Amino acid sequence: MSAAARHSQLAQRLWVAQHREMETRRQRLSNAGATLNTVSPLKTLARGYALVTRADDNRVVRDSGVITVGDPLDIRLARGHLRAKVTGKTRQRAQESGSELLRRPS
């Protein structure tokens, strides 16, 4: 095999290997983007959840026990922001499941 033919063969193999590697990396990047999208806080808000923080110190509210009636709250929604004042509260029992929270009051 001549040097020119060998060079051409190696150049073709290099091009194929580079193309394959780029496709592999493109797919990995796409998968990583999809994974990030599923755990994105903005996507969570778009599904109907809200982020509630205390208006005075911007700490996230996870438990109604840390809030008192009259406290101002900031509520971040998928599209917009609300300011609210606590007028009453209840505390969820630890053994209640999430499905019980989704039931509409009768």
C-alpha atoms as a PDB file:
ATOM      1  CA  MET A   1       0.000   0.000   0.000  1.00  0.00           C
ATOM      2  CA  SER A   2       1.399   3.361  -0.959  1.00  0.00           C
ATOM      3  CA  ALA A   3       1.992   6.076   1.602  1.00  0.00           C
ATOM      4  CA  ALA A   4      -0.718   8.231   0.034  1.00  0.00           C
ATOM      5  CA  ALA A   5      -3.263   5.400   0.218  1.00  0.00           C
ATOM      6  CA  ARG A   6      -2.297   4.661   3.830  1.00  0.00           C
ATOM      7  CA  HIS A   7      -2.627   8.349   4.683  1.00  0.00           C
ATOM      8  CA  SER A   8      -6.054   8.499   3.054  1.00  0.00           C
ATOM      9  CA  GLN A   9      -7.182   5.375   4.928  1.00  0.00           C
ATOM     10  CA  LEU A  10      -5.990   6.735   8.273  1.00  0.00           C
ATOM     11  CA  ALA A  11      -7.598  10.119   7.604  1.00  0.00           C
ATOM     12  CA  GLN A  12     -10.920   8.394   6.872  1.00  0.00           C
ATOM     13  CA  ARG A  13     -10.686   6.303  10.063  1.00  0.00           C
ATOM     14  CA  LEU A  14      -9.854   9.419  12.068  1.00  0.00           C
ATOM     15  CA  TRP A  15     -12.859  11.266  10.618  1.00  0.00           C
ATOM     16  CA  VAL A  16     -15.187   8.334  11.452  1.00  0.00           C
ATOM     17  CA  ALA A  17     -13.809   8.091  15.008  1.00  0.00           C
ATOM     18  CA  GLN A  18     -14.185  11.844  15.570  1.00  0.00           C
ATOM     19  CA  HIS A  19     -17.718  11.807  14.193  1.00  0.00           C
ATOM     20  CA  ARG A  20     -18.674   8.869  16.431  1.00  0.00           C
ATOM     21  CA  GLU A  21     -17.145  10.566  19.485  1.00  0.00           C
ATOM     22  CA  MET A  22     -18.987  13.828  18.766  1.00  0.00           C
ATOM     23  CA  GLU A  23     -22.297  11.980  18.443  1.00  0.00           C
ATOM     24  CA  THR A  24     -21.659  10.147  21.721  1.00  0.00           C
ATOM     25  CA  ARG A  25     -20.859  13.400  23.517  1.00  0.00           C
ATOM     26  CA  ARG A  26     -23.835  15.176  21.944  1.00  0.00           C
ATOM     27  CA  GLN A  27     -26.126  12.395  23.210  1.00  0.00           C
ATOM     28  CA  ARG A  28     -24.598  12.534  26.707  1.00  0.00           C
ATOM     29  CA  LEU A  29     -25.086  16.299  26.808  1.00  0.00           C
ATOM     30  CA  SER A  30     -28.684  15.933  25.665  1.00  0.00           C
ATOM     31  CA  ASN A  31     -29.336  13.325  28.371  1.00  0.00           C
ATOM     32  CA  ALA A  32     -27.752  15.528  31.031  1.00  0.00           C
ATOM     33  CA  GLY A  33     -29.921  18.452  29.920  1.00  0.00           C
ATOM     34  CA  ALA A  34     -33.052  16.315  30.104  1.00  0.00           C
ATOM     35  CA  THR A  35     -32.114  15.145  33.601  1.00  0.00           C
ATOM     36  CA  LEU A  36     -31.516  18.711  34.762  1.00  0.00           C
ATOM     37  CA  ASN A  37     -34.821  19.749  33.257  1.00  0.00           C
ATOM     38  CA  THR A  38     -36.738  17.144  35.273  1.00  0.00           C
ATOM     39  CA  VAL A  39     -35.300  18.336  38.583  1.00  0.00           C
ATOM     40  CA  SER A  40     -35.422  22.040  37.775  1.00  0.00           C
ATOM     41  CA  PRO A  41     -37.153  24.121  40.457  1.00  0.00           C
ATOM     42  CA  LEU A  42     -38.813  26.124  37.685  1.00  0.00           C
ATOM     43  CA  LYS A  43     -40.325  22.945  36.210  1.00  0.00           C
ATOM     44  CA  THR A  44     -41.614  22.044  39.667  1.00  0.00           C
ATOM     45  CA  LEU A  45     -43.322  25.427  39.888  1.00  0.00           C
ATOM     46  CA  ALA A  46     -44.809  24.895  36.423  1.00  0.00           C
ATOM     47  CA  ARG A  47     -46.449  21.687  37.705  1.00  0.00           C
ATOM     48  CA  GLY A  48     -48.436  23.746  40.204  1.00  0.00           C
ATOM     49  CA  TYR A  49     -46.196  23.877  43.238  1.00  0.00           C
ATOM     50  CA  ALA A  50     -45.139  27.095  44.936  1.00  0.00           C
ATOM     51  CA  LEU A  51     -42.089  28.209  46.866  1.00  0.00           C
ATOM     52  CA  VAL A  52     -43.078  29.842  50.148  1.00  0.00           C
ATOM     53  CA  THR A  53     -40.575  31.956  52.062  1.00  0.00           C
ATOM     54  CA  ARG A  54     -40.787  34.134  55.129  1.00  0.00           C
ATOM     55  CA  ALA A  55     -40.998  37.771  54.022  1.00  0.00           C
ATOM     56  CA  ASP A  56     -38.725  38.986  56.819  1.00  0.00           C
ATOM     57  CA  ASP A  57     -35.711  36.706  56.249  1.00  0.00           C
ATOM     58  CA  ASN A  58     -36.391  34.851  52.960  1.00  0.00           C
ATOM     59  CA  ARG A  59     -36.075  31.453  54.661  1.00  0.00           C
ATOM     60  CA  VAL A  60     -38.036  28.644  52.985  1.00  0.00           C
ATOM     61  CA  VAL A  61     -41.107  27.529  54.940  1.00  0.00           C
ATOM     62  CA  ARG A  62     -41.272  23.726  55.237  1.00  0.00           C
ATOM     63  CA  ASP A  63     -43.247  23.444  58.448  1.00  0.00           C
ATOM     64  CA  SER A  64     -46.264  25.432  59.602  1.00  0.00           C
ATOM     65  CA  GLY A  65     -44.904  25.178  63.132  1.00  0.00           C
ATOM     66  CA  VAL A  66     -42.347  27.906  62.432  1.00  0.00           C
ATOM     67  CA  ILE A  67     -45.029  30.362  61.298  1.00  0.00           C
ATOM     68  CA  THR A  68     -47.432  32.334  63.454  1.00  0.00           C
ATOM     69  CA  VAL A  69     -50.730  33.931  62.521  1.00  0.00           C
ATOM     70  CA  GLY A  70     -50.025  37.372  61.082  1.00  0.00           C
ATOM     71  CA  ASP A  71     -46.627  36.491  59.593  1.00  0.00           C
ATOM     72  CA  PRO A  72     -46.064  37.875  56.076  1.00  0.00           C
ATOM     73  CA  LEU A  73     -45.067  35.310  53.450  1.00  0.00           C
ATOM     74  CA  ASP A  74     -43.711  35.553  49.920  1.00  0.00           C
ATOM     75  CA  ILE A  75     -45.079  32.950  47.497  1.00  0.00           C
ATOM     76  CA  ARG A  76     -43.291  32.304  44.222  1.00  0.00           C
ATOM     77  CA  LEU A  77     -45.376  30.706  41.477  1.00  0.00           C
ATOM     78  CA  ALA A  78     -44.449  29.564  37.982  1.00  0.00           C
ATOM     79  CA  ARG A  79     -45.756  32.880  36.658  1.00  0.00           C
ATOM     80  CA  GLY A  80     -45.718  35.527  39.292  1.00  0.00           C
ATOM     81  CA  HIS A  81     -45.168  36.293  42.901  1.00  0.00           C
ATOM     82  CA  LEU A  82     -47.605  36.824  45.763  1.00  0.00           C
ATOM     83  CA  ARG A  83     -47.329  38.464  49.146  1.00  0.00           C
ATOM     84  CA  ALA A  84     -49.621  36.910  51.758  1.00  0.00           C
ATOM     85  CA  LYS A  85     -50.352  37.231  55.451  1.00  0.00           C
ATOM     86  CA  VAL A  86     -51.097  34.133  57.538  1.00  0.00           C
ATOM     87  CA  THR A  87     -54.672  34.268  58.846  1.00  0.00           C
ATOM     88  CA  GLY A  88     -54.779  30.754  60.261  1.00  0.00           C
ATOM     89  CA  LYS A  89     -52.884  27.479  60.188  1.00  0.00           C
ATOM     90  CA  THR A  90     -53.102  23.758  60.808  1.00  0.00           C
ATOM     91  CA  ARG A  91     -50.306  21.332  61.365  1.00  0.00           C
ATOM     92  CA  GLN A  92     -50.070  18.080  59.408  1.00  0.00           C
ATOM     93  CA  ARG A  93     -49.582  14.947  61.448  1.00  0.00           C
ATOM     94  CA  ALA A  94     -46.365  13.113  60.611  1.00  0.00           C
ATOM     95  CA  GLN A  95     -48.185   9.920  59.591  1.00  0.00           C
ATOM     96  CA  GLU A  96     -50.463  11.612  57.026  1.00  0.00           C
ATOM     97  CA  SER A  97     -49.649  10.681  53.454  1.00  0.00           C
ATOM     98  CA  GLY A  98     -49.321  13.135  50.608  1.00  0.00           C
ATOM     99  CA  SER A  99     -52.435  11.729  48.930  1.00  0.00           C
ATOM    100  CA  GLU A 100     -54.554  12.872  51.858  1.00  0.00           C
ATOM    101  CA  LEU A 101     -53.310  16.403  51.310  1.00  0.00           C
ATOM    102  CA  LEU A 102     -54.489  16.369  47.703  1.00  0.00           C
ATOM    103  CA  ARG A 103     -58.126  15.602  48.529  1.00  0.00           C
ATOM    104  CA  ARG A 104     -60.519  18.476  48.109  1.00  0.00           C
ATOM    105  CA  PRO A 105     -62.397  19.489  51.229  1.00  0.00           C
ATOM    106  CA  SER A 106     -66.000  18.248  51.256  1.00  0.00           C
END
